[in-house]
């Protein structure tokens, strides 16, 4: 029985060593992948922040343009009123 035990023991120890190496490599690979995911997460976070800043800038520009649009609309309305008044005067002068 001693001969069988001693013959099997090196094989078992060898298998345990291979298993330990495989587990170590798998652990290192997972750590590397975790780091890659953390970097990608950080990149996406920065992209999100940049996009949010751009959105805020666009909202502000939109508000400014809406204000300018309202001002121009009022000016056009005033010009139309003036043109209508002038047309009415011309019509009155033609009648005279």
N, C-alpha and C. Protein backbone atom coordinates (compact mmCIF):
# COMPACT_ATOMS: atom_id res chain seq x y z
N UNK A 1 0.82 -1.18 0.00
CA UNK A 1 0.00 0.00 0.00
C UNK A 1 0.87 1.25 0.00
N UNK A 2 1.99 1.21 0.57
CA UNK A 2 2.87 2.36 0.61
C UNK A 2 3.36 2.72 -0.79
N UNK A 3 3.58 1.75 -1.62
CA UNK A 3 4.07 2.01 -2.97
C UNK A 3 3.01 2.77 -3.78
N UNK A 4 1.76 2.38 -3.67
CA UNK A 4 0.69 3.04 -4.41
C UNK A 4 0.51 4.48 -3.95
N UNK A 5 0.59 4.70 -2.65
CA UNK A 5 0.41 6.04 -2.11
C UNK A 5 1.52 6.97 -2.59
N UNK A 6 2.75 6.50 -2.53
CA UNK A 6 3.86 7.35 -2.94
C UNK A 6 3.85 7.61 -4.44
N UNK A 7 3.32 6.71 -5.22
CA UNK A 7 3.27 6.90 -6.67
C UNK A 7 2.18 7.91 -7.05
N UNK A 8 1.09 7.94 -6.31
CA UNK A 8 -0.02 8.84 -6.62
C UNK A 8 0.25 10.25 -6.09
N UNK A 9 0.95 10.39 -5.00
CA UNK A 9 1.16 11.68 -4.36
C UNK A 9 1.80 12.72 -5.28
N UNK A 10 2.88 12.43 -6.03
CA UNK A 10 3.45 13.46 -6.91
C UNK A 10 2.46 13.93 -8.00
N UNK A 11 1.65 13.01 -8.49
CA UNK A 11 0.67 13.38 -9.51
C UNK A 11 -0.36 14.34 -8.93
N UNK A 12 -0.81 14.04 -7.72
CA UNK A 12 -1.78 14.91 -7.06
C UNK A 12 -1.18 16.28 -6.79
N UNK A 13 0.03 16.31 -6.30
CA UNK A 13 0.70 17.57 -6.02
C UNK A 13 0.89 18.36 -7.31
N UNK A 14 1.22 17.66 -8.37
CA UNK A 14 1.39 18.30 -9.67
C UNK A 14 0.07 18.89 -10.15
N UNK A 15 -1.03 18.17 -10.00
CA UNK A 15 -2.34 18.67 -10.39
C UNK A 15 -2.75 19.89 -9.56
N UNK A 16 -2.42 19.85 -8.27
CA UNK A 16 -2.73 20.99 -7.42
C UNK A 16 -1.93 22.22 -7.84
N UNK A 17 -0.69 22.02 -8.23
CA UNK A 17 0.14 23.12 -8.69
C UNK A 17 -0.44 23.72 -9.97
N UNK A 18 -0.85 22.88 -10.90
CA UNK A 18 -1.46 23.34 -12.15
C UNK A 18 -2.76 24.09 -11.83
N UNK A 19 -3.56 23.53 -10.93
CA UNK A 19 -4.80 24.20 -10.54
C UNK A 19 -4.50 25.57 -9.93
N UNK A 20 -3.50 25.63 -9.06
CA UNK A 20 -3.14 26.91 -8.44
C UNK A 20 -2.66 27.91 -9.49
N UNK A 21 -1.88 27.45 -10.45
CA UNK A 21 -1.42 28.35 -11.52
C UNK A 21 -2.61 28.84 -12.32
N UNK A 22 -3.53 27.94 -12.67
CA UNK A 22 -4.72 28.33 -13.44
C UNK A 22 -5.57 29.32 -12.65
N UNK A 23 -5.74 29.07 -11.37
CA UNK A 23 -6.53 29.99 -10.55
C UNK A 23 -5.85 31.36 -10.44
N UNK A 24 -4.54 31.34 -10.30
CA UNK A 24 -3.79 32.61 -10.22
C UNK A 24 -3.93 33.39 -11.52
N UNK A 25 -3.79 32.68 -12.65
CA UNK A 25 -3.94 33.35 -13.95
C UNK A 25 -5.36 33.88 -14.14
N UNK A 26 -6.34 33.09 -13.73
CA UNK A 26 -7.73 33.54 -13.85
C UNK A 26 -7.96 34.76 -12.97
N UNK A 27 -7.40 34.76 -11.77
CA UNK A 27 -7.53 35.89 -10.87
C UNK A 27 -6.88 37.14 -11.47
N UNK A 28 -5.70 36.98 -12.06
CA UNK A 28 -5.02 38.11 -12.70
C UNK A 28 -5.81 38.62 -13.90
N UNK A 29 -6.39 37.71 -14.67
CA UNK A 29 -7.18 38.11 -15.82
C UNK A 29 -8.42 38.88 -15.37
N UNK A 30 -9.06 38.41 -14.31
CA UNK A 30 -10.22 39.12 -13.79
C UNK A 30 -9.85 40.50 -13.26
N UNK A 31 -8.70 40.60 -12.62
CA UNK A 31 -8.24 41.90 -12.12
C UNK A 31 -7.97 42.85 -13.29
N UNK A 32 -7.38 42.31 -14.36
CA UNK A 32 -7.11 43.12 -15.55
C UNK A 32 -8.42 43.58 -16.19
N UNK A 33 -9.37 42.65 -16.33
CA UNK A 33 -10.66 43.00 -16.91
C UNK A 33 -11.41 44.01 -16.04
N UNK A 34 -11.28 43.87 -14.73
CA UNK A 34 -11.90 44.83 -13.81
C UNK A 34 -11.31 46.22 -14.04
N UNK A 35 -9.99 46.28 -14.21
CA UNK A 35 -9.33 47.57 -14.45
C UNK A 35 -9.79 48.16 -15.78
N UNK A 36 -9.93 47.31 -16.81
CA UNK A 36 -10.43 47.79 -18.10
C UNK A 36 -11.84 48.36 -17.96
N UNK A 37 -12.68 47.66 -17.22
CA UNK A 37 -14.05 48.13 -17.01
C UNK A 37 -14.09 49.43 -16.21
N UNK A 38 -13.21 49.54 -15.22
CA UNK A 38 -13.13 50.78 -14.45
C UNK A 38 -12.71 51.94 -15.35
N UNK A 39 -11.73 51.69 -16.22
CA UNK A 39 -11.27 52.74 -17.15
C UNK A 39 -12.39 53.12 -18.11
N UNK A 40 -13.10 52.12 -18.64
CA UNK A 40 -14.21 52.40 -19.55
C UNK A 40 -15.32 53.17 -18.84
N UNK A 41 -15.58 52.79 -17.59
CA UNK A 41 -16.58 53.49 -16.80
C UNK A 41 -16.18 54.94 -16.58
N UNK A 42 -14.92 55.17 -16.29
CA UNK A 42 -14.42 56.54 -16.09
C UNK A 42 -14.55 57.34 -17.39
N UNK A 43 -14.20 56.72 -18.52
CA UNK A 43 -14.30 57.40 -19.82
C UNK A 43 -15.75 57.77 -20.10
N UNK A 44 -16.66 56.83 -19.85
CA UNK A 44 -18.08 57.10 -20.09
C UNK A 44 -18.62 58.16 -19.14
N UNK A 45 -18.11 58.18 -17.92
CA UNK A 45 -18.52 59.19 -16.95
C UNK A 45 -18.10 60.58 -17.42
N UNK A 46 -16.87 60.69 -17.92
CA UNK A 46 -16.38 61.96 -18.44
C UNK A 46 -17.18 62.38 -19.67
N UNK A 47 -17.49 61.42 -20.52
CA UNK A 47 -18.29 61.71 -21.71
C UNK A 47 -19.68 62.20 -21.31
N UNK A 48 -20.26 61.58 -20.30
CA UNK A 48 -21.57 62.00 -19.81
C UNK A 48 -21.52 63.42 -19.27
N UNK A 49 -20.50 63.73 -18.48
CA UNK A 49 -20.36 65.08 -17.94
C UNK A 49 -20.20 66.10 -19.06
N UNK A 50 -19.38 65.77 -20.06
CA UNK A 50 -19.18 66.67 -21.20
C UNK A 50 -20.50 66.87 -21.95
N UNK A 51 -21.23 65.80 -22.15
CA UNK A 51 -22.51 65.88 -22.85
C UNK A 51 -23.51 66.73 -22.07
N UNK A 52 -23.51 66.58 -20.76
CA UNK A 52 -24.41 67.38 -19.93
C UNK A 52 -24.05 68.87 -20.00
N UNK A 53 -22.75 69.17 -20.01
CA UNK A 53 -22.32 70.57 -20.14
C UNK A 53 -22.73 71.14 -21.50
N UNK A 54 -22.55 70.35 -22.55
CA UNK A 54 -22.97 70.79 -23.88
C UNK A 54 -24.47 71.02 -23.93
N UNK A 55 -25.23 70.14 -23.30
CA UNK A 55 -26.68 70.28 -23.27
C UNK A 55 -27.07 71.58 -22.56
N UNK A 56 -26.43 71.88 -21.45
CA UNK A 56 -26.71 73.12 -20.73
C UNK A 56 -26.40 74.33 -21.59
N UNK A 57 -25.28 74.29 -22.30
CA UNK A 57 -24.91 75.40 -23.17
C UNK A 57 -25.94 75.56 -24.29
N UNK A 58 -26.38 74.45 -24.86
CA UNK A 58 -27.38 74.51 -25.92
C UNK A 58 -28.72 75.04 -25.41
N UNK A 59 -29.08 74.66 -24.18
CA UNK A 59 -30.32 75.18 -23.59
C UNK A 59 -30.24 76.70 -23.43
N UNK A 60 -29.08 77.18 -22.94
CA UNK A 60 -28.90 78.63 -22.77
C UNK A 60 -28.95 79.35 -24.11
N UNK A 61 -28.28 78.78 -25.12
CA UNK A 61 -28.31 79.38 -26.45
C UNK A 61 -29.74 79.40 -27.00
N UNK A 62 -30.47 78.32 -26.76
CA UNK A 62 -31.85 78.23 -27.22
C UNK A 62 -32.71 79.31 -26.57
N UNK A 63 -32.53 79.52 -25.28
CA UNK A 63 -33.28 80.57 -24.58
C UNK A 63 -32.95 81.95 -25.16
N UNK A 64 -31.66 82.19 -25.41
CA UNK A 64 -31.25 83.47 -26.00
C UNK A 64 -31.89 83.65 -27.37
N UNK A 65 -31.85 82.59 -28.19
CA UNK A 65 -32.42 82.68 -29.54
C UNK A 65 -33.94 82.87 -29.50
N UNK A 66 -34.59 82.23 -28.53
CA UNK A 66 -36.04 82.43 -28.39
C UNK A 66 -36.35 83.88 -28.05
N UNK A 67 -35.54 84.47 -27.18
CA UNK A 67 -35.71 85.87 -26.83
C UNK A 67 -35.50 86.78 -28.03
N UNK A 68 -34.43 86.50 -28.79
CA UNK A 68 -34.18 87.28 -29.99
C UNK A 68 -35.32 87.11 -31.00
N UNK A 69 -35.82 85.89 -31.12
CA UNK A 69 -36.92 85.61 -32.03
C UNK A 69 -38.17 86.41 -31.64
N UNK A 70 -38.45 86.47 -30.35
CA UNK A 70 -39.61 87.25 -29.89
C UNK A 70 -39.42 88.74 -30.20
N UNK A 71 -38.19 89.23 -29.97
CA UNK A 71 -37.91 90.64 -30.27
C UNK A 71 -38.11 90.93 -31.76
N UNK A 72 -37.58 90.04 -32.60
CA UNK A 72 -37.73 90.23 -34.05
C UNK A 72 -39.19 90.14 -34.47
N UNK A 73 -39.93 89.25 -33.86
CA UNK A 73 -41.35 89.12 -34.17
C UNK A 73 -42.09 90.43 -33.84
N UNK A 74 -41.74 91.01 -32.69
CA UNK A 74 -42.36 92.28 -32.31
C UNK A 74 -41.99 93.39 -33.29
N UNK A 75 -40.72 93.43 -33.72
CA UNK A 75 -40.29 94.43 -34.68
C UNK A 75 -41.03 94.26 -36.01
N UNK A 76 -41.16 93.02 -36.48
CA UNK A 76 -41.87 92.76 -37.73
C UNK A 76 -43.33 93.18 -37.61
N UNK A 77 -43.94 92.88 -36.47
CA UNK A 77 -45.33 93.27 -36.25
C UNK A 77 -45.47 94.79 -36.30
N UNK A 78 -44.54 95.50 -35.67
CA UNK A 78 -44.55 96.97 -35.70
C UNK A 78 -44.39 97.50 -37.14
N UNK A 79 -43.48 96.88 -37.89
CA UNK A 79 -43.26 97.30 -39.28
C UNK A 79 -44.50 97.04 -40.13
N UNK A 80 -45.18 95.92 -39.90
CA UNK A 80 -46.41 95.63 -40.64
C UNK A 80 -47.48 96.67 -40.30
N UNK A 81 -47.57 97.02 -39.01
CA UNK A 81 -48.54 98.04 -38.60
C UNK A 81 -48.22 99.38 -39.28
N UNK A 82 -46.93 99.74 -39.30
CA UNK A 82 -46.53 100.99 -39.96
C UNK A 82 -46.85 100.95 -41.46
N UNK A 83 -46.59 99.81 -42.08
CA UNK A 83 -46.88 99.67 -43.50
C UNK A 83 -48.38 99.77 -43.77
N UNK A 84 -49.15 99.18 -42.89
CA UNK A 84 -50.61 99.27 -43.02
C UNK A 84 -51.06 100.72 -42.90
N UNK A 85 -50.50 101.44 -41.94
CA UNK A 85 -50.83 102.86 -41.77
C UNK A 85 -50.45 103.66 -43.02
N UNK A 86 -49.26 103.39 -43.56
CA UNK A 86 -48.83 104.10 -44.77
C UNK A 86 -49.73 103.78 -45.96
N UNK A 87 -50.11 102.52 -46.06
CA UNK A 87 -51.01 102.12 -47.15
C UNK A 87 -52.35 102.83 -47.03
N UNK A 88 -52.84 102.92 -45.81
CA UNK A 88 -54.10 103.64 -45.58
C UNK A 88 -53.97 105.11 -45.98
N UNK A 89 -52.86 105.75 -45.63
CA UNK A 89 -52.64 107.16 -45.99
C UNK A 89 -52.58 107.34 -47.51
N UNK A 90 -51.85 106.42 -48.16
CA UNK A 90 -51.76 106.49 -49.62
C UNK A 90 -53.13 106.37 -50.24
N UNK A 91 -53.94 105.45 -49.71
CA UNK A 91 -55.31 105.27 -50.21
C UNK A 91 -56.11 106.58 -50.00
N UNK A 92 -55.91 107.23 -48.86
CA UNK A 92 -56.62 108.49 -48.60
C UNK A 92 -56.17 109.58 -49.57
N UNK A 93 -54.86 109.61 -49.85
CA UNK A 93 -54.35 110.62 -50.77
C UNK A 93 -54.84 110.37 -52.19
N UNK A 94 -54.97 109.14 -52.56
CA UNK A 94 -55.47 108.81 -53.90
C UNK A 94 -56.92 109.26 -54.04
N UNK A 95 -57.69 109.10 -52.98
CA UNK A 95 -59.09 109.49 -52.99
C UNK A 95 -59.20 110.99 -53.14
N UNK A 96 -58.29 111.73 -52.53
CA UNK A 96 -58.36 113.19 -52.60
C UNK A 96 -58.01 113.62 -53.99
